[in-house]
PDB file of N, CA and C in Angstrom:
ATOM      1  N   UNK A   1       3.336   4.033  40.902  1.00  0.00           N
ATOM      2  CA  UNK A   1       1.983   4.472  40.587  1.00  0.00           C
ATOM      3  C   UNK A   1       0.934   3.551  41.214  1.00  0.00           C
ATOM      4  N   UNK A   2       1.298   2.651  42.045  1.00  0.00           N
ATOM      5  CA  UNK A   2       0.364   1.768  42.743  1.00  0.00           C
ATOM      6  C   UNK A   2      -0.542   0.992  41.798  1.00  0.00           C
ATOM      7  N   UNK A   3      -0.040   0.595  40.646  1.00  0.00           N
ATOM      8  CA  UNK A   3      -0.831  -0.180  39.707  1.00  0.00           C
ATOM      9  C   UNK A   3      -1.833   0.636  38.909  1.00  0.00           C
ATOM     10  N   UNK A   4      -1.844   1.944  39.093  1.00  0.00           N
ATOM     11  CA  UNK A   4      -2.763   2.788  38.344  1.00  0.00           C
ATOM     12  C   UNK A   4      -2.183   3.098  36.976  1.00  0.00           C
ATOM     13  N   UNK A   5      -3.061   3.138  36.001  1.00  0.00           N
ATOM     14  CA  UNK A   5      -2.634   3.475  34.652  1.00  0.00           C
ATOM     15  C   UNK A   5      -2.804   4.972  34.418  1.00  0.00           C
ATOM     16  N   UNK A   6      -1.955   5.509  33.577  1.00  0.00           N
ATOM     17  CA  UNK A   6      -2.059   6.932  33.245  1.00  0.00           C
ATOM     18  C   UNK A   6      -3.355   7.173  32.475  1.00  0.00           C
ATOM     19  N   UNK A   7      -3.939   8.321  32.686  1.00  0.00           N
ATOM     20  CA  UNK A   7      -5.167   8.677  31.981  1.00  0.00           C
ATOM     21  C   UNK A   7      -4.889   8.828  30.488  1.00  0.00           C
ATOM     22  N   UNK A   8      -5.871   8.464  29.678  1.00  0.00           N
ATOM     23  CA  UNK A   8      -5.725   8.617  28.235  1.00  0.00           C
ATOM     24  C   UNK A   8      -5.655  10.103  27.900  1.00  0.00           C
ATOM     25  N   UNK A   9      -4.722  10.506  27.037  1.00  0.00           N
ATOM     26  CA  UNK A   9      -4.531  11.933  26.737  1.00  0.00           C
ATOM     27  C   UNK A   9      -5.569  12.471  25.743  1.00  0.00           C
ATOM     28  N   UNK A  10      -6.826  12.534  26.173  1.00  0.00           N
ATOM     29  CA  UNK A  10      -7.903  12.940  25.273  1.00  0.00           C
ATOM     30  C   UNK A  10      -7.676  14.312  24.647  1.00  0.00           C
ATOM     31  N   UNK A  11      -7.216  15.278  25.435  1.00  0.00           N
ATOM     32  CA  UNK A  11      -7.030  16.628  24.885  1.00  0.00           C
ATOM     33  C   UNK A  11      -6.040  16.618  23.733  1.00  0.00           C
ATOM     34  N   UNK A  12      -4.931  15.912  23.890  1.00  0.00           N
ATOM     35  CA  UNK A  12      -3.919  15.849  22.835  1.00  0.00           C
ATOM     36  C   UNK A  12      -4.441  15.118  21.610  1.00  0.00           C
ATOM     37  N   UNK A  13      -5.174  14.032  21.820  1.00  0.00           N
ATOM     38  CA  UNK A  13      -5.706  13.252  20.693  1.00  0.00           C
ATOM     39  C   UNK A  13      -6.774  14.054  19.949  1.00  0.00           C
ATOM     40  N   UNK A  14      -7.656  14.692  20.688  1.00  0.00           N
ATOM     41  CA  UNK A  14      -8.679  15.522  20.040  1.00  0.00           C
ATOM     42  C   UNK A  14      -8.035  16.661  19.255  1.00  0.00           C
ATOM     43  N   UNK A  15      -7.042  17.299  19.834  1.00  0.00           N
ATOM     44  CA  UNK A  15      -6.354  18.389  19.136  1.00  0.00           C
ATOM     45  C   UNK A  15      -5.692  17.881  17.848  1.00  0.00           C
ATOM     46  N   UNK A  16      -5.020  16.744  17.958  1.00  0.00           N
ATOM     47  CA  UNK A  16      -4.339  16.195  16.781  1.00  0.00           C
ATOM     48  C   UNK A  16      -5.341  15.831  15.691  1.00  0.00           C
ATOM     49  N   UNK A  17      -6.424  15.161  16.063  1.00  0.00           N
ATOM     50  CA  UNK A  17      -7.393  14.719  15.063  1.00  0.00           C
ATOM     51  C   UNK A  17      -8.220  15.844  14.474  1.00  0.00           C
ATOM     52  N   UNK A  18      -8.731  16.720  15.335  1.00  0.00           N
ATOM     53  CA  UNK A  18      -9.644  17.755  14.862  1.00  0.00           C
ATOM     54  C   UNK A  18      -8.942  19.005  14.353  1.00  0.00           C
ATOM     55  N   UNK A  19      -7.828  19.369  14.968  1.00  0.00           N
ATOM     56  CA  UNK A  19      -7.141  20.610  14.579  1.00  0.00           C
ATOM     57  C   UNK A  19      -6.010  20.360  13.584  1.00  0.00           C
ATOM     58  N   UNK A  20      -5.104  19.468  13.939  1.00  0.00           N
ATOM     59  CA  UNK A  20      -3.935  19.264  13.069  1.00  0.00           C
ATOM     60  C   UNK A  20      -4.281  18.473  11.820  1.00  0.00           C
ATOM     61  N   UNK A  21      -5.089  17.398  11.990  1.00  0.00           N
ATOM     62  CA  UNK A  21      -5.461  16.578  10.831  1.00  0.00           C
ATOM     63  C   UNK A  21      -6.712  17.120  10.135  1.00  0.00           C
ATOM     64  N   UNK A  22      -7.412  18.032  10.792  1.00  0.00           N
ATOM     65  CA  UNK A  22      -8.617  18.666  10.266  1.00  0.00           C
ATOM     66  C   UNK A  22      -9.712  17.662   9.897  1.00  0.00           C
ATOM     67  N   UNK A  23      -9.841  16.637  10.723  1.00  0.00           N
ATOM     68  CA  UNK A  23     -10.918  15.673  10.524  1.00  0.00           C
ATOM     69  C   UNK A  23     -12.224  16.272  11.020  1.00  0.00           C
ATOM     70  N   UNK A  24     -13.317  15.891  10.395  1.00  0.00           N
ATOM     71  CA  UNK A  24     -14.612  16.282  10.939  1.00  0.00           C
ATOM     72  C   UNK A  24     -14.837  15.453  12.201  1.00  0.00           C
ATOM     73  N   UNK A  25     -15.718  15.937  13.061  1.00  0.00           N
ATOM     74  CA  UNK A  25     -16.010  15.186  14.284  1.00  0.00           C
ATOM     75  C   UNK A  25     -16.541  13.800  13.932  1.00  0.00           C
ATOM     76  N   UNK A  26     -17.363  13.726  12.900  1.00  0.00           N
ATOM     77  CA  UNK A  26     -17.922  12.440  12.468  1.00  0.00           C
ATOM     78  C   UNK A  26     -16.811  11.481  12.052  1.00  0.00           C
ATOM     79  N   UNK A  27     -15.857  11.958  11.254  1.00  0.00           N
ATOM     80  CA  UNK A  27     -14.754  11.108  10.805  1.00  0.00           C
ATOM     81  C   UNK A  27     -13.822  10.735  11.952  1.00  0.00           C
ATOM     82  N   UNK A  28     -13.581  11.692  12.851  1.00  0.00           N
ATOM     83  CA  UNK A  28     -12.709  11.413  13.989  1.00  0.00           C
ATOM     84  C   UNK A  28     -13.279  10.288  14.843  1.00  0.00           C
ATOM     85  N   UNK A  29     -14.550  10.396  15.213  1.00  0.00           N
ATOM     86  CA  UNK A  29     -15.154   9.398  16.095  1.00  0.00           C
ATOM     87  C   UNK A  29     -15.432   8.085  15.384  1.00  0.00           C
ATOM     88  N   UNK A  30     -15.397   8.074  14.052  1.00  0.00           N
ATOM     89  CA  UNK A  30     -15.589   6.826  13.302  1.00  0.00           C
ATOM     90  C   UNK A  30     -14.302   6.014  13.208  1.00  0.00           C
ATOM     91  N   UNK A  31     -13.160   6.650  13.485  1.00  0.00           N
ATOM     92  CA  UNK A  31     -11.874   5.952  13.385  1.00  0.00           C
ATOM     93  C   UNK A  31     -11.702   4.978  14.548  1.00  0.00           C
ATOM     94  N   UNK A  32     -11.045   3.871  14.243  1.00  0.00           N
ATOM     95  CA  UNK A  32     -10.669   2.949  15.314  1.00  0.00           C
ATOM     96  C   UNK A  32      -9.392   3.480  15.960  1.00  0.00           C
ATOM     97  N   UNK A  33      -9.090   3.068  17.184  1.00  0.00           N
ATOM     98  CA  UNK A  33      -7.828   3.492  17.800  1.00  0.00           C
ATOM     99  C   UNK A  33      -6.611   3.123  16.948  1.00  0.00           C
ATOM    100  N   UNK A  34      -6.654   1.971  16.296  1.00  0.00           N
ATOM    101  CA  UNK A  34      -5.539   1.556  15.434  1.00  0.00           C
ATOM    102  C   UNK A  34      -5.399   2.505  14.246  1.00  0.00           C
ATOM    103  N   UNK A  35      -6.515   2.851  13.595  1.00  0.00           N
ATOM    104  CA  UNK A  35      -6.468   3.788  12.466  1.00  0.00           C
ATOM    105  C   UNK A  35      -5.913   5.141  12.901  1.00  0.00           C
ATOM    106  N   UNK A  36      -6.367   5.619  14.036  1.00  0.00           N
ATOM    107  CA  UNK A  36      -5.887   6.900  14.541  1.00  0.00           C
ATOM    108  C   UNK A  36      -4.402   6.826  14.858  1.00  0.00           C
ATOM    109  N   UNK A  37      -3.967   5.722  15.446  1.00  0.00           N
ATOM    110  CA  UNK A  37      -2.543   5.549  15.746  1.00  0.00           C
ATOM    111  C   UNK A  37      -1.683   5.594  14.502  1.00  0.00           C
ATOM    112  N   UNK A  38      -2.128   4.925  13.435  1.00  0.00           N
ATOM    113  CA  UNK A  38      -1.375   4.972  12.176  1.00  0.00           C
ATOM    114  C   UNK A  38      -1.410   6.371  11.578  1.00  0.00           C
ATOM    115  N   UNK A  39      -2.569   7.017  11.611  1.00  0.00           N
ATOM    116  CA  UNK A  39      -2.699   8.363  11.043  1.00  0.00           C
ATOM    117  C   UNK A  39      -1.808   9.366  11.763  1.00  0.00           C
ATOM    118  N   UNK A  40      -1.671   9.212  13.082  1.00  0.00           N
ATOM    119  CA  UNK A  40      -0.843  10.131  13.859  1.00  0.00           C
ATOM    120  C   UNK A  40       0.635   9.758  13.838  1.00  0.00           C
ATOM    121  N   UNK A  41       0.961   8.597  13.297  1.00  0.00           N
ATOM    122  CA  UNK A  41       2.355   8.175  13.242  1.00  0.00           C
ATOM    123  C   UNK A  41       2.828   7.505  14.514  1.00  0.00           C
ATOM    124  N   UNK A  42       1.906   7.223  15.440  1.00  0.00           N
ATOM    125  CA  UNK A  42       2.270   6.539  16.672  1.00  0.00           C
ATOM    126  C   UNK A  42       2.553   5.072  16.379  1.00  0.00           C
ATOM    127  N   UNK A  43       1.763   4.494  15.501  1.00  0.00           N
ATOM    128  CA  UNK A  43       1.959   3.120  15.054  1.00  0.00           C
ATOM    129  C   UNK A  43       2.542   3.149  13.652  1.00  0.00           C
ATOM    130  N   UNK A  44       3.356   2.203  13.355  1.00  0.00           N
ATOM    131  CA  UNK A  44       3.958   2.113  12.026  1.00  0.00           C
ATOM    132  C   UNK A  44       3.734   0.707  11.484  1.00  0.00           C
ATOM    133  N   UNK A  45       3.411   0.595  10.190  1.00  0.00           N
ATOM    134  CA  UNK A  45       3.250  -0.742   9.626  1.00  0.00           C
ATOM    135  C   UNK A  45       4.586  -1.474   9.615  1.00  0.00           C
ATOM    136  N   UNK A  46       4.519  -2.768   9.764  1.00  0.00           N
ATOM    137  CA  UNK A  46       5.733  -3.576   9.695  1.00  0.00           C
ATOM    138  C   UNK A  46       6.239  -3.585   8.266  1.00  0.00           C
ATOM    139  N   UNK A  47       7.548  -3.552   8.070  1.00  0.00           N
ATOM    140  CA  UNK A  47       8.070  -3.598   6.699  1.00  0.00           C
ATOM    141  C   UNK A  47       7.705  -4.926   6.040  1.00  0.00           C
ATOM    142  N   UNK A  48       7.434  -4.867   4.753  1.00  0.00           N
ATOM    143  CA  UNK A  48       7.038  -6.062   4.003  1.00  0.00           C
ATOM    144  C   UNK A  48       8.208  -7.018   3.840  1.00  0.00           C
ATOM    145  N   UNK A  49       9.399  -6.484   3.775  1.00  0.00           N
ATOM    146  CA  UNK A  49      10.598  -7.320   3.604  1.00  0.00           C
ATOM    147  C   UNK A  49      11.621  -6.916   4.660  1.00  0.00           C
ATOM    148  N   UNK A  50      12.475  -7.845   5.058  1.00  0.00           N
ATOM    149  CA  UNK A  50      13.484  -7.473   6.046  1.00  0.00           C
ATOM    150  C   UNK A  50      14.506  -6.504   5.452  1.00  0.00           C
ATOM    151  N   UNK A  51      15.032  -5.637   6.292  1.00  0.00           N
ATOM    152  CA  UNK A  51      16.095  -4.734   5.861  1.00  0.00           C
ATOM    153  C   UNK A  51      17.398  -5.496   5.706  1.00  0.00           C
ATOM    154  N   UNK A  52      18.423  -4.800   5.261  1.00  0.00           N
ATOM    155  CA  UNK A  52      19.719  -5.433   4.997  1.00  0.00           C
ATOM    156  C   UNK A  52      20.286  -6.110   6.240  1.00  0.00           C
ATOM    157  N   UNK A  53      20.231  -5.428   7.384  1.00  0.00           N
ATOM    158  CA  UNK A  53      20.784  -6.003   8.618  1.00  0.00           C
ATOM    159  C   UNK A  53      19.976  -7.216   9.072  1.00  0.00           C
ATOM    160  N   UNK A  54      18.667  -7.131   8.976  1.00  0.00           N
ATOM    161  CA  UNK A  54      17.831  -8.261   9.384  1.00  0.00           C
ATOM    162  C   UNK A  54      18.071  -9.451   8.464  1.00  0.00           C
ATOM    163  N   UNK A  55      18.218  -9.197   7.170  1.00  0.00           N
ATOM    164  CA  UNK A  55      18.480 -10.278   6.222  1.00  0.00           C
ATOM    165  C   UNK A  55      19.834 -10.924   6.511  1.00  0.00           C
ATOM    166  N   UNK A  56      20.849 -10.108   6.783  1.00  0.00           N
ATOM    167  CA  UNK A  56      22.173 -10.658   7.104  1.00  0.00           C
ATOM    168  C   UNK A  56      22.111 -11.514   8.363  1.00  0.00           C
ATOM    169  N   UNK A  57      21.362 -11.069   9.363  1.00  0.00           N
ATOM    170  CA  UNK A  57      21.226 -11.847  10.597  1.00  0.00           C
ATOM    171  C   UNK A  57      20.507 -13.169  10.336  1.00  0.00           C
ATOM    172  N   UNK A  58      19.478 -13.136   9.510  1.00  0.00           N
ATOM    173  CA  UNK A  58      18.771 -14.368   9.161  1.00  0.00           C
ATOM    174  C   UNK A  58      19.666 -15.324   8.382  1.00  0.00           C
ATOM    175  N   UNK A  59      20.454 -14.779   7.448  1.00  0.00           N
ATOM    176  CA  UNK A  59      21.348 -15.617   6.652  1.00  0.00           C
ATOM    177  C   UNK A  59      22.412 -16.269   7.535  1.00  0.00           C
ATOM    178  N   UNK A  60      22.867 -15.542   8.546  1.00  0.00           N
ATOM    179  CA  UNK A  60      23.859 -16.101   9.449  1.00  0.00           C
ATOM    180  C   UNK A  60      23.223 -17.155  10.355  1.00  0.00           C
ATOM    181  N   UNK A  61      22.020 -16.907  10.806  1.00  0.00           N
ATOM    182  CA  UNK A  61      21.356 -17.851  11.699  1.00  0.00           C
ATOM    183  C   UNK A  61      20.905 -19.115  10.965  1.00  0.00           C
ATOM    184  N   UNK A  62      20.567 -18.977   9.698  1.00  0.00           N
ATOM    185  CA  UNK A  62      20.045 -20.102   8.921  1.00  0.00           C
ATOM    186  C   UNK A  62      20.790 -20.220   7.590  1.00  0.00           C
ATOM    187  N   UNK A  63      22.037 -20.636   7.617  1.00  0.00           N
ATOM    188  CA  UNK A  63      22.822 -20.725   6.364  1.00  0.00           C
ATOM    189  C   UNK A  63      22.247 -21.819   5.446  1.00  0.00           C
ATOM    190  N   UNK A  64      22.446 -21.623   4.146  1.00  0.00           N
ATOM    191  CA  UNK A  64      21.969 -22.602   3.171  1.00  0.00           C
ATOM    192  C   UNK A  64      22.767 -23.893   3.220  1.00  0.00           C
ATOM    193  N   UNK A  65      24.065 -23.781   3.367  1.00  0.00           N
ATOM    194  CA  UNK A  65      24.902 -25.004   3.407  1.00  0.00           C
ATOM    195  C   UNK A  65      25.118 -25.426   4.862  1.00  0.00           C
ATOM    196  N   UNK A  66      24.870 -26.676   5.126  1.00  0.00           N
ATOM    197  CA  UNK A  66      25.003 -27.180   6.496  1.00  0.00           C
ATOM    198  C   UNK A  66      26.190 -28.149   6.522  1.00  0.00           C
ATOM    199  N   UNK A  67      27.357 -27.600   6.686  1.00  0.00           N
ATOM    200  CA  UNK A  67      28.572 -28.420   6.691  1.00  0.00           C
ATOM    201  C   UNK A  67      29.078 -28.648   8.081  1.00  0.00           C
TER     202      UNK A  67
END
């Protein structure tokens, strides 16, 4: 792509915000990109606690007993 970035998908974002989410134009344009990303499910909040696999990996990497 010669260092060019893809164009922002305005049509898809406008459709999602105004049609699918039924936001008013005022509410849509008041949202930050981060808020819109979370609302559309593109961004996800980080889990507050590690899952079982992550906890097991941490326990293995940092055992309580150092023998």
